[in-house]
Amino acid sequence: MQRLVGKCALVTGGARGIGEGIVRRFVAEGAKVMICDVLEAEGAALAAELGAAAAFTRLDVTSADQWRAAIAATEAAFGRLDTLVNNAGIIVFKRLDDLSEDEIRRVIDINLIGTMLGAQLAIPAIERAGGGSITNMSSADGISGANSLTAYCASKFGVRGFTKALALELGPRGIRVNSIHPGGILTPMANPMNVPRDLYDRGYWIYPAQKSGDPADIGAAAAYLASDDAKYCIGTELSVDGGLNAGHYYMAMPGAPTDPNKG
């Protein structure tokens, strides 16, 4: 399918991981994509691989000036901006007791404030294009809590609430705002120790899916929300989490999975 022909998108954190999965799916669906990231070598290489359908510009999402420059570069390269995907984010695995103030502020600044700045500054460009969409990357951990992720959960719950409020404001102006809630996607950020896939998946036996997901799974969700197929999705929370937030298992009762880590 080519549901995004004629659309131009800006994807933050687009150089690798989930962002790369989104970029690749958008291009496959016919969109033009501005890849934005602080990872300049990786972003430039991905744009070069994808050819005329993609370009790269550096963007630190905590900088309003860099946001303005990235949006201007998108309009200069492709003539318009229809879709913003606020995907850039970081994660820190620590107990609250062990988080420094700088770590807390950095997680909130990138994951939440960066998302808010991007949406705010992209509104005029999307309106110039005649309307479009903003998709914000929350998380399964923006729906339920997780140990070692207090700052991350706070930021992603914030993105979830921000999305709802902005959807109300922008719906009458022709801009749809929605959120995606990934859970357990195999990326460099989620797997910093580069654990092999078969071993990594063992940690997801409590998911109904019994395995982690792939960046391409989130790319498919983002492409749907950016397409006209999702024209009546406003303020939607799209969970792509292998069933993580579907509920919980009573391990002693029938229907529960078996722990593959036990002999």
Protein backbone atom coordinates (compact mmCIF):
# COMPACT_ATOMS: atom_id res chain seq x y z
CA MET A 1 0.00 0.00 0.00
CA GLN A 2 1.05 3.60 -0.59
CA ARG A 3 -1.21 5.55 1.74
CA LEU A 4 1.15 8.50 2.24
CA VAL A 5 1.78 9.60 -1.33
CA GLY A 6 1.96 13.39 -1.47
CA LYS A 7 2.53 13.75 2.27
CA CYS A 8 5.66 15.20 3.84
CA ALA A 9 6.72 14.26 7.36
CA LEU A 10 9.23 15.27 9.98
CA VAL A 11 10.33 12.40 12.26
CA THR A 12 12.41 13.11 15.35
CA GLY A 13 14.81 10.51 16.69
CA GLY A 14 14.66 9.15 13.15
CA ALA A 15 18.22 7.91 12.76
CA ARG A 16 17.81 4.52 14.43
CA GLY A 17 15.51 2.28 16.43
CA ILE A 18 11.80 3.08 16.39
CA GLY A 19 12.42 6.30 14.49
CA GLU A 20 14.21 4.47 11.71
CA GLY A 21 11.34 2.00 11.53
CA ILE A 22 8.92 4.91 11.11
CA VAL A 23 11.06 6.60 8.47
CA ARG A 24 11.41 3.43 6.42
CA ARG A 25 7.67 2.71 6.53
CA PHE A 26 6.75 6.28 5.61
CA VAL A 27 9.05 6.20 2.58
CA ALA A 28 7.68 2.80 1.57
CA GLU A 29 4.17 4.30 1.78
CA GLY A 30 5.14 7.13 -0.57
CA ALA A 31 5.92 9.99 1.83
CA LYS A 32 8.82 12.43 1.79
CA VAL A 33 10.57 12.42 5.16
CA MET A 34 12.88 14.79 7.00
CA ILE A 35 14.93 12.66 9.38
CA CYS A 36 15.83 14.62 12.51
CA ASP A 37 18.22 13.46 15.20
CA VAL A 38 21.33 14.37 17.18
CA LEU A 39 22.99 11.26 15.69
CA GLU A 40 24.31 13.00 12.61
CA ALA A 41 26.30 10.18 10.98
CA GLU A 42 23.49 7.64 11.34
CA GLY A 43 20.83 10.08 10.18
CA ALA A 44 22.78 11.22 7.14
CA ALA A 45 23.55 7.63 6.17
CA LEU A 46 19.88 6.63 6.37
CA ALA A 47 18.85 9.62 4.25
CA ALA A 48 21.51 8.77 1.65
CA GLU A 49 20.28 5.16 1.52
CA LEU A 50 16.66 6.23 0.99
CA GLY A 51 17.49 8.71 -1.77
CA ALA A 52 15.33 11.60 -2.90
CA ALA A 53 12.46 10.61 -0.60
CA ALA A 54 14.43 11.55 2.52
CA ALA A 55 16.73 14.22 3.88
CA PHE A 56 18.48 14.74 7.20
CA THR A 57 18.92 17.71 9.50
CA ARG A 58 20.30 17.80 13.01
CA LEU A 59 17.75 18.49 15.74
CA ASP A 60 18.07 18.67 19.49
CA VAL A 61 14.39 18.63 20.44
CA THR A 62 15.00 20.69 23.58
CA SER A 63 16.02 23.69 21.44
CA ALA A 64 13.25 25.89 20.05
CA ASP A 65 15.70 27.47 17.61
CA GLN A 66 16.71 24.08 16.23
CA TRP A 67 13.04 23.15 15.90
CA ARG A 68 12.40 26.27 13.85
CA ALA A 69 15.37 25.47 11.63
CA ALA A 70 14.28 21.85 11.13
CA ILE A 71 10.74 22.83 10.18
CA ALA A 72 12.07 25.45 7.76
CA ALA A 73 14.44 22.86 6.27
CA THR A 74 11.53 20.47 5.76
CA GLU A 75 9.46 23.05 3.93
CA ALA A 76 12.49 24.07 1.87
CA ALA A 77 13.28 20.48 0.89
CA PHE A 78 9.76 19.17 0.26
CA GLY A 79 7.54 22.25 -0.01
CA ARG A 80 5.29 21.46 2.93
CA LEU A 81 4.89 19.72 6.29
CA ASP A 82 1.83 17.51 6.71
CA THR A 83 2.86 15.21 9.52
CA LEU A 84 5.00 15.54 12.63
CA VAL A 85 6.08 12.42 14.51
CA ASN A 86 7.48 13.32 17.92
CA ASN A 87 9.51 10.18 18.49
CA ALA A 88 12.79 11.36 20.04
CA GLY A 89 13.29 10.13 23.59
CA ILE A 90 15.67 8.76 26.17
CA ILE A 91 15.37 6.29 29.02
CA VAL A 92 17.26 5.83 32.29
CA PHE A 93 16.94 2.57 34.22
CA LYS A 94 17.41 3.58 37.86
CA ARG A 95 15.48 3.70 41.11
CA LEU A 96 14.28 7.17 42.01
CA ASP A 97 16.71 7.13 44.95
CA ASP A 98 19.61 6.84 42.49
CA LEU A 99 18.54 9.37 39.86
CA SER A 100 20.39 12.66 39.82
CA GLU A 101 18.49 15.91 39.35
CA ASP A 102 20.21 16.34 35.98
CA GLU A 103 19.01 12.90 34.84
CA ILE A 104 15.44 13.63 35.89
CA ARG A 105 15.42 16.98 34.12
CA ARG A 106 17.01 15.56 30.96
CA VAL A 107 14.40 12.80 30.66
CA ILE A 108 11.56 15.29 31.11
CA ASP A 109 13.17 17.90 28.84
CA ILE A 110 13.66 15.53 25.92
CA ASN A 111 10.63 13.25 26.22
CA LEU A 112 7.97 15.76 27.27
CA ILE A 113 9.15 19.35 26.76
CA GLY A 114 10.72 18.43 23.40
CA THR A 115 7.41 16.94 22.28
CA MET A 116 5.50 20.02 23.38
CA LEU A 117 7.92 22.41 21.67
CA GLY A 118 7.82 20.45 18.44
CA ALA A 119 4.05 20.36 18.31
CA GLN A 120 3.76 24.03 19.14
CA LEU A 121 6.23 25.15 16.51
CA ALA A 122 4.96 22.80 13.79
CA ILE A 123 1.35 24.02 13.97
CA PRO A 124 1.79 26.96 11.55
CA ALA A 125 3.57 24.79 8.97
CA ILE A 126 0.92 22.06 9.13
CA GLU A 127 -1.80 24.68 8.79
CA ARG A 128 0.01 26.10 5.74
CA ALA A 129 -0.19 22.61 4.24
CA GLY A 130 -3.95 22.62 4.74
CA GLY A 131 -4.01 20.45 7.85
CA GLY A 132 -2.50 17.12 8.81
CA SER A 133 -1.45 15.20 11.85
CA ILE A 134 0.82 15.08 14.88
CA THR A 135 1.73 11.73 16.40
CA ASN A 136 3.38 11.71 19.80
CA MET A 137 5.37 8.74 21.04
CA SER A 138 4.26 7.82 24.52
CA SER A 139 4.81 4.29 25.83
CA ALA A 140 3.17 1.31 27.45
CA ASP A 141 4.85 2.89 30.48
CA GLY A 142 2.71 5.95 29.84
CA ILE A 143 -0.35 3.83 30.63
CA SER A 144 0.92 1.83 33.60
CA GLY A 145 3.90 2.24 35.89
CA ALA A 146 7.17 0.31 35.87
CA ASN A 147 9.91 -0.05 38.43
CA SER A 148 13.25 1.62 37.58
CA LEU A 149 11.41 4.03 35.25
CA THR A 150 9.94 6.74 37.49
CA ALA A 151 11.24 9.67 35.42
CA TYR A 152 10.49 7.91 32.14
CA CYS A 153 6.93 7.03 33.23
CA ALA A 154 6.36 10.60 34.38
CA SER A 155 7.44 11.91 30.99
CA LYS A 156 5.37 9.42 29.01
CA PHE A 157 2.25 9.88 31.14
CA GLY A 158 2.79 13.59 30.44
CA VAL A 159 2.95 12.96 26.69
CA ARG A 160 -0.29 10.99 26.94
CA GLY A 161 -2.13 13.82 28.70
CA PHE A 162 -0.61 16.48 26.47
CA THR A 163 -1.81 14.55 23.41
CA LYS A 164 -5.39 14.48 24.69
CA ALA A 165 -5.45 18.21 25.45
CA LEU A 166 -3.82 19.17 22.15
CA ALA A 167 -6.20 16.94 20.22
CA LEU A 168 -9.08 19.01 21.58
CA GLU A 169 -7.40 22.28 20.60
CA LEU A 170 -6.30 21.28 17.11
CA GLY A 171 -9.13 19.06 15.91
CA PRO A 172 -11.26 22.05 14.87
CA ARG A 173 -8.22 23.44 13.03
CA GLY A 174 -7.80 20.34 10.85
CA ILE A 175 -4.87 18.77 12.70
CA ARG A 176 -5.33 15.33 14.21
CA VAL A 177 -3.25 14.55 17.32
CA ASN A 178 -2.74 10.98 18.52
CA SER A 179 -0.32 8.93 20.58
CA ILE A 180 1.42 5.58 20.14
CA HIS A 181 2.24 3.40 23.14
CA PRO A 182 5.01 0.90 22.33
CA GLY A 183 5.99 -1.82 24.73
CA GLY A 184 9.04 -4.05 24.56
CA ILE A 185 10.42 -2.99 21.17
CA LEU A 186 13.92 -4.30 20.42
CA THR A 187 16.01 -1.15 19.87
CA PRO A 188 19.47 0.08 20.91
CA MET A 189 17.84 2.28 23.55
CA ALA A 190 15.85 -0.57 25.11
CA ASN A 191 18.68 -3.09 24.72
CA PRO A 192 21.86 -1.10 25.45
CA MET A 193 23.83 -4.27 26.27
CA ASN A 194 22.99 -5.69 22.80
CA VAL A 195 21.62 -8.95 24.22
CA PRO A 196 20.92 -11.48 21.41
CA ARG A 197 17.30 -11.59 20.28
CA ASP A 198 16.55 -15.08 21.59
CA LEU A 199 17.84 -14.21 25.05
CA TYR A 200 16.21 -10.78 25.01
CA ASP A 201 12.83 -12.29 24.19
CA ARG A 202 12.97 -14.50 27.28
CA GLY A 203 12.34 -11.39 29.34
CA TYR A 204 8.97 -10.96 27.62
CA TRP A 205 7.39 -14.28 28.54
CA ILE A 206 4.83 -12.44 30.69
CA TYR A 207 3.53 -10.65 27.55
CA PRO A 208 0.71 -12.42 25.67
CA ALA A 209 2.87 -12.05 22.52
CA GLN A 210 5.68 -14.00 24.23
CA LYS A 211 8.33 -11.87 22.54
CA SER A 212 9.51 -8.32 21.96
CA GLY A 213 8.38 -6.24 19.02
CA ASP A 214 10.27 -4.61 16.15
CA PRO A 215 10.64 -0.98 15.06
CA ALA A 216 8.69 -1.91 11.94
CA ASP A 217 5.66 -2.62 14.13
CA ILE A 218 5.67 0.99 15.33
CA GLY A 219 6.34 2.20 11.79
CA ALA A 220 3.13 0.51 10.67
CA ALA A 221 1.16 2.16 13.47
CA ALA A 222 2.61 5.59 12.74
CA ALA A 223 1.88 5.23 9.02
CA TYR A 224 -1.73 4.39 9.80
CA LEU A 225 -2.18 7.43 12.05
CA ALA A 226 -0.61 9.71 9.43
CA SER A 227 -2.82 8.34 6.66
CA ASP A 228 -6.34 9.23 5.61
CA ASP A 229 -7.40 5.80 6.90
CA ALA A 230 -7.13 7.37 10.36
CA LYS A 231 -9.07 10.52 9.50
CA TYR A 232 -11.48 9.95 12.41
CA CYS A 233 -8.76 9.19 14.95
CA ILE A 234 -8.31 12.19 17.23
CA GLY A 235 -6.85 11.79 20.70
CA THR A 236 -6.46 8.08 20.05
CA GLU A 237 -4.08 5.98 22.14
CA LEU A 238 -2.72 3.24 19.89
CA SER A 239 -1.06 0.51 21.95
CA VAL A 240 1.53 -1.60 20.13
CA ASP A 241 2.77 -3.52 23.14
CA GLY A 242 2.32 -7.24 22.59
CA GLY A 243 -0.55 -7.21 25.05
CA LEU A 244 1.48 -5.84 27.97
CA ASN A 245 -1.32 -3.57 29.15
CA ALA A 246 -4.14 -5.96 28.32
CA GLY A 247 -4.08 -7.18 31.91
CA HIS A 248 -2.02 -9.45 34.13
CA TYR A 249 -1.67 -13.20 34.55
CA TYR A 250 -2.59 -15.20 37.65
CA MET A 251 0.31 -17.61 37.34
CA ALA A 252 -1.32 -20.36 39.39
CA MET A 253 -4.45 -20.40 37.21
CA PRO A 254 -5.11 -22.04 33.83
CA GLY A 255 -4.12 -20.06 30.76
CA ALA A 256 -0.94 -18.55 32.19
CA PRO A 257 2.31 -18.81 30.20
CA THR A 258 5.23 -20.99 31.24
CA ASP A 259 8.47 -19.32 32.28
CA PRO A 260 11.02 -20.33 29.60
CA ASN A 261 13.86 -19.45 31.98
CA LYS A 262 12.98 -22.34 34.27
CA GLY A 263 14.17 -25.83 33.53
